[in-house]
Amino acid sequence: MIDTKIIAIIVAAGRGARAGAGGPKQYRSLAGRAVIARSAAVFLDHPQIDAVRIIIHRDDRSEYDAAMGELLFHAKLLEPVFGGAERQDSVCIGLESIEDQGPRRVLIHDAARPFIDERTISRVIDALNTNDGAIAALPVHDTLKRSGTDKLIDTTVSRDGLWRAQTPQGFQFDKILAAHRNAAGQMLTDDAAVAEASGMQVALIAGSPDNMKITQAQDFGMAETLLGRKMSKMEYRTGHGFDVHEFEDGDAVILCGVEIVHEKKLKGHSDADAGMHALTDAIFGAISEGDIGDHFPPSDPQWKGVGSEVFLARARDLVAERKGRITHCDVTIICEAPKIGPHRDKMRTALADILEIESSRISVKATTTEQLGFAGRREGIAAMATATIALPEDA
């Protein structure tokens, strides 16, 4: 059993018929990334969420794997489970699937809302400190009309006290699970309605106007526009890194996380991975956070012999803490030997796994110095790296 306190359930088992042709909307691309992946990433990266379970249709496993990409390997992501005939059935299945993990609270979110943000999630979680449940919602500002079957206005409806419900909707886990079991067959419109039917007190907290739900085909155009507006508020920074290590007696070198058989090994306080060190410094540089020596002083014995993935993961985490993302990395290994080409794809994969980005965003290449200098004399290996980081303008 995983020691969890808050688990997020993302409902993605629907067919999305109203969204038009192109398959279920949650697996369609939105500016190069699947809708479901955009929704899931925010919950996976939220510091208060301990685990995420996604509910999918039993026919969609291959689409799910392709859409999630590198997120499939995220430490917080649980195996998906298959949903039921209706959304309410799927949520109940999802709740029952995490019961043995003992969560205290649960957040339920629709995969078709890819613009959920960390602040809204945090507000829902905070409201659960004093309530059975809490949902993100927006007050209604438009004038409301009720019509008959003839589509003529019958009456004007007061908008006082009316709210538009969004997700996530958060609840005390034991109470919402019991409520869902008791509501079987009632076909209520959302999880808050299930909670209300059982007598739970559910609070309304401020949602976000950007937290739109993709329902119809034209919503994808609106979503692309919204995403473009959000991306325009990002700035891009570039950092450079350089590292060099000399050879000493040994039988293998480690470069970009890959061990390569060689007649020598690289000498260093840690594992002497020149490629990963250069890339780590490039990321630190892009966010103006000094270099490896500042974060992991070689004078500190705790870092002796440590794997360089620890350093690179720290740089990754600092970017995430600033709400940024790593958009591209380029590493150049400078040596006469060993040959890098046969190991390049493994290196890209290793770096991608640590940085939690697609391997297509990482380049690894090699060059020689035409037998000039220390590298040309085979006295050691050098590496250069460039990292491009996207950060919010106010970061």
Protein backbone atom coordinates (compact mmCIF):
# COMPACT_ATOMS: atom_id res chain seq x y z
CA MET A 1 0.00 0.00 0.00
CA ILE A 2 1.31 3.44 -0.98
CA ASP A 3 1.44 5.96 1.85
CA THR A 4 -0.79 8.58 0.27
CA LYS A 5 -2.91 11.40 1.65
CA ILE A 6 -4.32 13.09 -1.45
CA ILE A 7 -5.00 11.24 -4.70
CA ALA A 8 -6.32 12.82 -7.87
CA ILE A 9 -8.66 10.89 -10.14
CA ILE A 10 -8.85 12.03 -13.76
CA VAL A 11 -11.90 10.83 -15.66
CA ALA A 12 -11.10 10.01 -19.29
CA ALA A 13 -13.41 7.11 -20.18
CA GLY A 14 -15.89 9.03 -22.34
CA ARG A 15 -16.33 8.85 -26.08
CA GLY A 16 -16.72 12.64 -26.66
CA ALA A 17 -19.19 12.28 -29.54
CA ARG A 18 -20.08 15.99 -29.48
CA ALA A 19 -16.46 16.92 -30.20
CA GLY A 20 -16.78 15.66 -33.78
CA ALA A 21 -14.54 13.37 -35.79
CA GLY A 22 -11.04 12.48 -34.72
CA GLY A 23 -11.57 10.01 -31.90
CA PRO A 24 -12.10 10.66 -28.20
CA LYS A 25 -11.30 14.31 -27.46
CA GLN A 26 -9.00 13.49 -24.54
CA TYR A 27 -6.49 11.87 -26.92
CA ARG A 28 -6.48 14.57 -29.57
CA SER A 29 -3.54 16.88 -29.95
CA LEU A 30 -3.65 20.42 -28.60
CA ALA A 31 -0.63 22.36 -29.87
CA GLY A 32 1.42 19.19 -30.12
CA ARG A 33 0.41 17.55 -26.85
CA ALA A 34 -2.60 15.37 -26.07
CA VAL A 35 -5.41 16.94 -24.04
CA ILE A 36 -5.20 14.18 -21.42
CA ALA A 37 -1.45 14.68 -21.00
CA ARG A 38 -1.91 18.42 -20.44
CA SER A 39 -4.53 17.76 -17.76
CA ALA A 40 -2.55 15.02 -16.03
CA ALA A 41 0.75 16.90 -15.96
CA VAL A 42 -0.59 19.65 -13.71
CA PHE A 43 -1.75 17.17 -11.07
CA LEU A 44 1.41 15.06 -11.33
CA ASP A 45 3.56 18.13 -10.76
CA HIS A 46 1.47 19.54 -7.89
CA PRO A 47 3.44 19.22 -4.63
CA GLN A 48 0.36 18.33 -2.54
CA ILE A 49 -0.84 15.52 -4.80
CA ASP A 50 0.60 12.16 -3.77
CA ALA A 51 -0.69 10.04 -6.66
CA VAL A 52 -2.81 10.26 -9.80
CA ARG A 53 -5.14 7.60 -11.17
CA ILE A 54 -6.67 7.97 -14.64
CA ILE A 55 -9.91 6.23 -15.60
CA ILE A 56 -10.00 5.20 -19.26
CA HIS A 57 -12.26 3.27 -21.62
CA ARG A 58 -11.31 -0.37 -21.94
CA ASP A 59 -10.73 0.06 -25.68
CA ASP A 60 -8.30 2.96 -25.28
CA ARG A 61 -5.19 1.53 -23.64
CA SER A 62 -2.97 1.96 -26.69
CA GLU A 63 -4.25 5.52 -27.27
CA TYR A 64 -3.66 6.28 -23.60
CA ASP A 65 -0.05 5.05 -23.70
CA ALA A 66 0.71 7.04 -26.84
CA ALA A 67 -0.94 10.21 -25.52
CA MET A 68 0.77 10.16 -22.13
CA GLY A 69 4.27 9.68 -23.54
CA GLU A 70 6.99 10.34 -20.98
CA LEU A 71 4.38 10.90 -18.25
CA LEU A 72 3.86 7.12 -18.18
CA PHE A 73 7.10 6.93 -16.19
CA HIS A 74 6.17 9.62 -13.67
CA ALA A 75 6.60 8.32 -10.12
CA LYS A 76 3.16 9.56 -9.05
CA LEU A 77 1.18 8.02 -11.90
CA LEU A 78 -0.73 4.86 -11.01
CA GLU A 79 -1.82 2.25 -13.55
CA PRO A 80 -5.04 3.31 -15.31
CA VAL A 81 -8.28 1.45 -14.63
CA PHE A 82 -11.23 0.90 -16.93
CA GLY A 83 -14.35 2.98 -16.42
CA GLY A 84 -18.02 2.16 -16.63
CA ALA A 85 -20.95 2.97 -18.90
CA GLU A 86 -21.49 6.49 -17.51
CA ARG A 87 -19.21 9.09 -15.92
CA GLN A 88 -20.71 8.47 -12.50
CA ASP A 89 -19.95 4.76 -12.83
CA SER A 90 -16.37 5.55 -13.85
CA VAL A 91 -15.80 7.81 -10.86
CA CYS A 92 -17.12 5.18 -8.47
CA ILE A 93 -14.82 2.58 -10.05
CA GLY A 94 -11.92 5.00 -9.69
CA LEU A 95 -12.69 5.66 -6.04
CA GLU A 96 -12.93 1.97 -5.26
CA SER A 97 -9.64 1.33 -7.08
CA ILE A 98 -7.71 3.55 -4.66
CA GLU A 99 -9.52 2.55 -1.46
CA ASP A 100 -6.77 0.12 -0.44
CA GLN A 101 -4.21 2.94 -0.61
CA GLY A 102 -5.89 4.77 2.24
CA PRO A 103 -6.21 8.33 0.91
CA ARG A 104 -7.69 10.93 3.24
CA ARG A 105 -8.83 13.18 0.42
CA VAL A 106 -9.52 12.82 -3.28
CA LEU A 107 -9.74 15.29 -6.16
CA ILE A 108 -11.84 14.38 -9.20
CA HIS A 109 -11.10 16.10 -12.50
CA ASP A 110 -12.30 15.83 -16.09
CA ALA A 111 -9.52 15.10 -18.58
CA ALA A 112 -11.26 17.45 -21.03
CA ARG A 113 -10.24 20.46 -18.90
CA PRO A 114 -6.57 20.79 -19.93
CA PHE A 115 -6.08 24.33 -18.60
CA ILE A 116 -6.47 23.55 -14.91
CA ASP A 117 -3.78 25.40 -12.94
CA GLU A 118 -1.89 24.75 -9.73
CA ARG A 119 -3.51 27.61 -7.84
CA THR A 120 -7.04 26.35 -8.43
CA ILE A 121 -6.03 22.86 -7.30
CA SER A 122 -4.47 24.34 -4.16
CA ARG A 123 -7.60 26.33 -3.35
CA VAL A 124 -9.76 23.20 -3.57
CA ILE A 125 -7.35 21.29 -1.33
CA ASP A 126 -7.22 24.11 1.22
CA ALA A 127 -11.03 24.26 1.40
CA LEU A 128 -11.09 20.60 2.41
CA ASN A 129 -9.51 21.57 5.73
CA THR A 130 -12.92 22.80 6.89
CA ASN A 131 -15.44 21.17 4.53
CA ASP A 132 -16.66 17.75 3.43
CA GLY A 133 -16.14 18.82 -0.16
CA ALA A 134 -15.17 21.78 -2.31
CA ILE A 135 -15.48 22.49 -6.00
CA ALA A 136 -13.99 25.03 -8.36
CA ALA A 137 -16.75 27.24 -9.74
CA LEU A 138 -17.45 30.62 -11.33
CA PRO A 139 -20.38 32.93 -10.51
CA VAL A 140 -22.92 33.37 -13.31
CA HIS A 141 -22.85 36.89 -14.77
CA ASP A 142 -24.98 36.43 -17.89
CA THR A 143 -28.72 36.99 -17.84
CA LEU A 144 -30.50 33.64 -17.82
CA LYS A 145 -33.66 32.81 -19.76
CA ARG A 146 -35.93 29.77 -19.53
CA SER A 147 -37.82 28.68 -22.65
CA GLY A 148 -40.53 26.21 -23.45
CA THR A 149 -40.39 23.56 -26.16
CA ASP A 150 -41.08 26.27 -28.78
CA LYS A 151 -37.77 28.00 -27.97
CA LEU A 152 -39.58 31.19 -26.99
CA ILE A 153 -38.64 32.93 -23.75
CA ASP A 154 -40.84 31.77 -20.94
CA THR A 155 -39.22 33.70 -18.10
CA THR A 156 -36.05 35.38 -16.90
CA VAL A 157 -34.23 33.40 -14.23
CA SER A 158 -32.51 35.24 -11.41
CA ARG A 159 -28.76 34.67 -11.49
CA ASP A 160 -28.36 35.50 -7.81
CA GLY A 161 -26.47 32.72 -6.08
CA LEU A 162 -25.89 30.76 -9.30
CA TRP A 163 -22.50 29.29 -10.11
CA ARG A 164 -20.97 27.38 -13.02
CA ALA A 165 -19.39 24.20 -11.67
CA GLN A 166 -15.93 23.19 -12.83
CA THR A 167 -13.46 20.51 -11.84
CA PRO A 168 -11.48 19.58 -9.85
CA GLN A 169 -13.99 18.71 -7.20
CA GLY A 170 -12.43 17.62 -3.92
CA PHE A 171 -13.85 15.54 -1.08
CA GLN A 172 -13.05 13.70 2.09
CA PHE A 173 -12.40 10.28 0.62
CA ASP A 174 -14.48 8.01 2.87
CA LYS A 175 -17.53 10.27 2.58
CA ILE A 176 -17.53 10.62 -1.20
CA LEU A 177 -16.93 6.90 -1.70
CA ALA A 178 -19.95 6.10 0.47
CA ALA A 179 -21.98 8.77 -1.34
CA HIS A 180 -21.16 7.31 -4.74
CA ARG A 181 -22.08 3.82 -3.65
CA ASN A 182 -25.39 5.09 -2.29
CA ALA A 183 -26.09 7.06 -5.49
CA ALA A 184 -25.71 4.08 -7.85
CA GLY A 185 -28.35 4.29 -10.57
CA GLN A 186 -29.43 7.89 -9.84
CA MET A 187 -27.44 9.47 -12.73
CA LEU A 188 -26.56 12.76 -11.07
CA THR A 189 -24.79 15.46 -13.08
CA ASP A 190 -21.50 15.77 -11.19
CA ASP A 191 -19.72 14.57 -8.07
CA ALA A 192 -20.88 17.57 -6.06
CA ALA A 193 -24.48 16.50 -6.78
CA VAL A 194 -23.61 13.01 -5.52
CA ALA A 195 -22.18 14.57 -2.37
CA GLU A 196 -25.21 16.83 -1.88
CA ALA A 197 -27.58 13.86 -2.19
CA SER A 198 -25.80 12.23 0.75
CA GLY A 199 -25.98 15.35 2.93
CA MET A 200 -22.34 16.42 2.56
CA GLN A 201 -21.52 20.11 2.88
CA VAL A 202 -19.76 21.25 -0.30
CA ALA A 203 -18.04 24.63 -0.54
CA LEU A 204 -17.69 26.78 -3.64
CA ILE A 205 -14.21 28.18 -4.26
CA ALA A 206 -12.95 30.45 -7.02
CA GLY A 207 -12.34 28.62 -10.25
CA SER A 208 -10.59 30.06 -13.31
CA PRO A 209 -12.14 31.46 -16.50
CA ASP A 210 -9.37 29.66 -18.39
CA ASN A 211 -10.44 26.28 -16.98
CA MET A 212 -12.67 25.54 -19.98
CA LYS A 213 -14.04 22.13 -20.83
CA ILE A 214 -13.55 20.90 -24.37
CA THR A 215 -16.95 19.58 -25.39
CA GLN A 216 -17.68 20.46 -29.01
CA ALA A 217 -15.51 20.52 -32.13
CA GLN A 218 -15.24 24.33 -32.13
CA ASP A 219 -13.86 24.24 -28.59
CA PHE A 220 -10.52 23.04 -29.97
CA GLY A 221 -10.11 26.32 -31.83
CA MET A 222 -10.86 28.26 -28.67
CA ALA A 223 -8.41 26.07 -26.75
CA GLU A 224 -5.64 26.69 -29.29
CA THR A 225 -6.21 30.43 -28.97
CA LEU A 226 -6.15 30.24 -25.18
CA LEU A 227 -2.98 28.16 -25.22
CA GLY A 228 -1.32 30.64 -27.56
CA ARG A 229 -2.18 33.46 -25.16
CA LYS A 230 -0.75 31.54 -22.23
CA MET A 231 2.44 30.67 -24.08
CA SER A 232 2.94 34.31 -25.04
CA LYS A 233 3.36 35.09 -21.34
CA MET A 234 6.44 32.86 -21.22
CA GLU A 235 9.98 34.03 -21.78
CA TYR A 236 12.79 31.84 -23.06
CA ARG A 237 16.24 31.68 -21.54
CA THR A 238 19.35 29.87 -22.70
CA GLY A 239 22.18 28.52 -20.56
CA HIS A 240 25.56 27.09 -21.48
CA GLY A 241 27.68 24.53 -19.67
CA PHE A 242 31.16 23.12 -20.06
CA ASP A 243 32.94 20.33 -18.21
CA VAL A 244 36.16 18.35 -18.56
CA HIS A 245 37.57 15.27 -16.83
CA GLU A 246 40.89 13.56 -17.27
CA PHE A 247 41.36 9.84 -17.71
CA GLU A 248 42.69 7.49 -15.07
CA ASP A 249 43.05 3.71 -14.85
CA GLY A 250 39.78 1.90 -15.34
CA ASP A 251 37.66 -0.04 -17.81
CA ALA A 252 34.63 2.15 -18.59
CA VAL A 253 33.45 5.73 -18.79
CA ILE A 254 30.04 7.14 -17.91
CA LEU A 255 28.69 9.74 -20.30
CA CYS A 256 25.14 11.16 -20.25
CA GLY A 257 24.10 8.39 -17.89
CA VAL A 258 25.38 5.53 -20.07
CA GLU A 259 28.31 3.29 -19.16
CA ILE A 260 30.64 2.66 -22.11
CA VAL A 261 33.39 0.05 -22.05
CA HIS A 262 36.77 1.75 -22.53
CA GLU A 263 40.43 1.31 -21.67
CA LYS A 264 40.24 4.17 -19.13
CA LYS A 265 37.72 5.79 -16.84
CA LEU A 266 37.14 9.44 -16.05
CA LYS A 267 38.52 10.91 -12.84
CA GLY A 268 36.28 13.03 -10.66
CA HIS A 269 34.77 13.60 -7.22
CA SER A 270 31.43 12.13 -8.36
CA ASP A 271 31.02 9.70 -11.25
CA ALA A 272 32.78 12.20 -13.58
CA ASP A 273 29.97 12.21 -16.17
CA ALA A 274 31.20 15.19 -18.17
CA GLY A 275 28.14 15.25 -20.45
CA MET A 276 25.63 15.31 -17.64
CA HIS A 277 27.67 17.83 -15.67
CA ALA A 278 27.78 20.22 -18.63
CA LEU A 279 24.02 19.89 -19.15
CA THR A 280 23.33 20.44 -15.45
CA ASP A 281 25.40 23.63 -15.51
CA ALA A 282 23.57 24.76 -18.64
CA ILE A 283 20.21 24.44 -16.88
CA PHE A 284 21.51 26.14 -13.74
CA GLY A 285 22.81 28.93 -15.97
CA ALA A 286 19.51 29.40 -17.76
CA ILE A 287 17.77 30.09 -14.45
CA SER A 288 20.72 32.03 -12.97
CA GLU A 289 21.35 29.49 -10.22
CA GLY A 290 25.14 29.28 -10.32
CA ASP A 291 26.75 25.95 -11.11
CA ILE A 292 27.13 22.41 -9.80
CA GLY A 293 29.86 23.47 -7.41
CA ASP A 294 27.49 25.89 -5.70
CA HIS A 295 24.86 23.22 -5.11
CA PHE A 296 27.11 20.19 -4.64
CA PRO A 297 30.52 21.37 -3.35
CA PRO A 298 33.34 18.88 -4.12
CA SER A 299 34.65 19.59 -0.63
CA ASP A 300 31.54 17.91 0.81
CA PRO A 301 32.20 14.16 1.23
CA GLN A 302 28.52 13.26 0.83
CA TRP A 303 28.81 13.88 -2.93
CA LYS A 304 31.87 11.66 -3.44
CA GLY A 305 31.08 8.98 -6.02
CA VAL A 306 27.42 10.02 -6.32
CA GLY A 307 25.62 9.48 -9.63
CA SER A 308 25.32 12.65 -11.70
CA GLU A 309 21.59 12.05 -12.15
CA VAL A 310 21.24 13.55 -8.66
CA PHE A 311 22.70 16.83 -9.93
CA LEU A 312 20.60 16.90 -13.09
CA ALA A 313 17.42 16.09 -11.18
CA ARG A 314 18.08 19.03 -8.85
CA ALA A 315 18.38 21.38 -11.83
CA ARG A 316 15.13 19.96 -13.23
CA ASP A 317 13.35 20.51 -9.92
CA LEU A 318 14.50 24.12 -9.69
CA VAL A 319 12.99 24.80 -13.12
CA ALA A 320 9.71 23.19 -12.02
CA GLU A 321 9.65 25.23 -8.81
CA ARG A 322 9.66 28.36 -10.97
CA LYS A 323 6.73 27.00 -13.05
CA GLY A 324 9.05 26.65 -16.02
CA ARG A 325 9.76 23.87 -18.45
CA ILE A 326 12.82 22.57 -20.24
CA THR A 327 12.15 22.91 -23.97
CA HIS A 328 15.40 21.67 -25.51
CA CYS A 329 18.87 20.42 -24.57
CA ASP A 330 21.93 19.99 -26.79
CA VAL A 331 25.03 18.14 -25.57
CA THR A 332 28.32 17.82 -27.46
CA ILE A 333 30.94 15.29 -26.32
CA ILE A 334 34.53 16.15 -27.29
CA CYS A 335 36.88 13.15 -27.46
CA GLU A 336 38.89 10.90 -29.74
CA ALA A 337 37.54 7.78 -28.05
CA PRO A 338 35.32 6.05 -27.18
CA LYS A 339 32.92 6.27 -30.09
CA ILE A 340 29.73 8.07 -29.04
CA GLY A 341 27.50 7.36 -32.04
CA PRO A 342 26.49 3.80 -31.08
CA HIS A 343 25.36 5.02 -27.64
CA ARG A 344 23.69 8.30 -28.61
CA ASP A 345 20.07 7.11 -28.47
CA LYS A 346 20.59 5.50 -25.06
CA MET A 347 22.08 8.75 -23.81
CA ARG A 348 19.11 10.76 -25.07
CA THR A 349 16.71 8.35 -23.38
CA ALA A 350 18.65 8.44 -20.10
CA LEU A 351 18.67 12.23 -20.03
CA ALA A 352 15.00 12.42 -21.02
CA ASP A 353 14.01 10.08 -18.20
CA ILE A 354 15.77 12.25 -15.63
CA LEU A 355 14.46 15.53 -17.01
CA GLU A 356 10.95 14.08 -17.52
CA ILE A 357 10.70 15.40 -21.08
CA GLU A 358 10.44 13.75 -24.49
CA SER A 359 13.70 12.38 -25.90
CA SER A 360 12.92 14.35 -29.08
CA ARG A 361 13.79 17.48 -27.08
CA ILE A 362 17.33 16.25 -26.44
CA SER A 363 20.28 16.17 -28.83
CA VAL A 364 23.55 14.35 -28.14
CA LYS A 365 26.42 14.50 -30.60
CA ALA A 366 30.19 14.12 -30.62
CA THR A 367 33.22 15.68 -32.22
CA THR A 368 37.01 15.44 -32.07
CA THR A 369 39.72 18.09 -31.90
CA GLU A 370 41.63 16.60 -34.83
CA GLN A 371 44.19 15.21 -32.36
CA LEU A 372 44.93 18.67 -30.98
CA GLY A 373 45.03 19.56 -27.29
CA PHE A 374 44.40 17.33 -24.27
CA ALA A 375 41.37 15.65 -25.88
CA GLY A 376 43.33 15.03 -29.06
CA ARG A 377 46.10 13.45 -26.99
CA ARG A 378 43.45 11.21 -25.36
CA GLU A 379 44.17 12.60 -21.91
CA GLY A 380 40.50 13.17 -21.11
CA ILE A 381 37.01 14.08 -22.33
CA ALA A 382 35.25 17.44 -22.49
CA ALA A 383 31.59 18.25 -22.98
CA MET A 384 29.58 21.34 -23.90
CA ALA A 385 25.85 21.77 -23.45
CA THR A 386 23.11 24.27 -24.15
CA ALA A 387 19.70 24.27 -22.45
CA THR A 388 16.64 26.30 -23.42
CA ILE A 389 14.15 26.99 -20.64
CA ALA A 390 10.66 28.53 -20.81
CA LEU A 391 9.75 30.51 -17.70
CA PRO A 392 6.79 32.70 -16.76
CA GLU A 393 7.66 36.34 -17.34
CA ASP A 394 7.30 37.11 -13.63
CA ALA A 395 9.49 34.19 -12.46
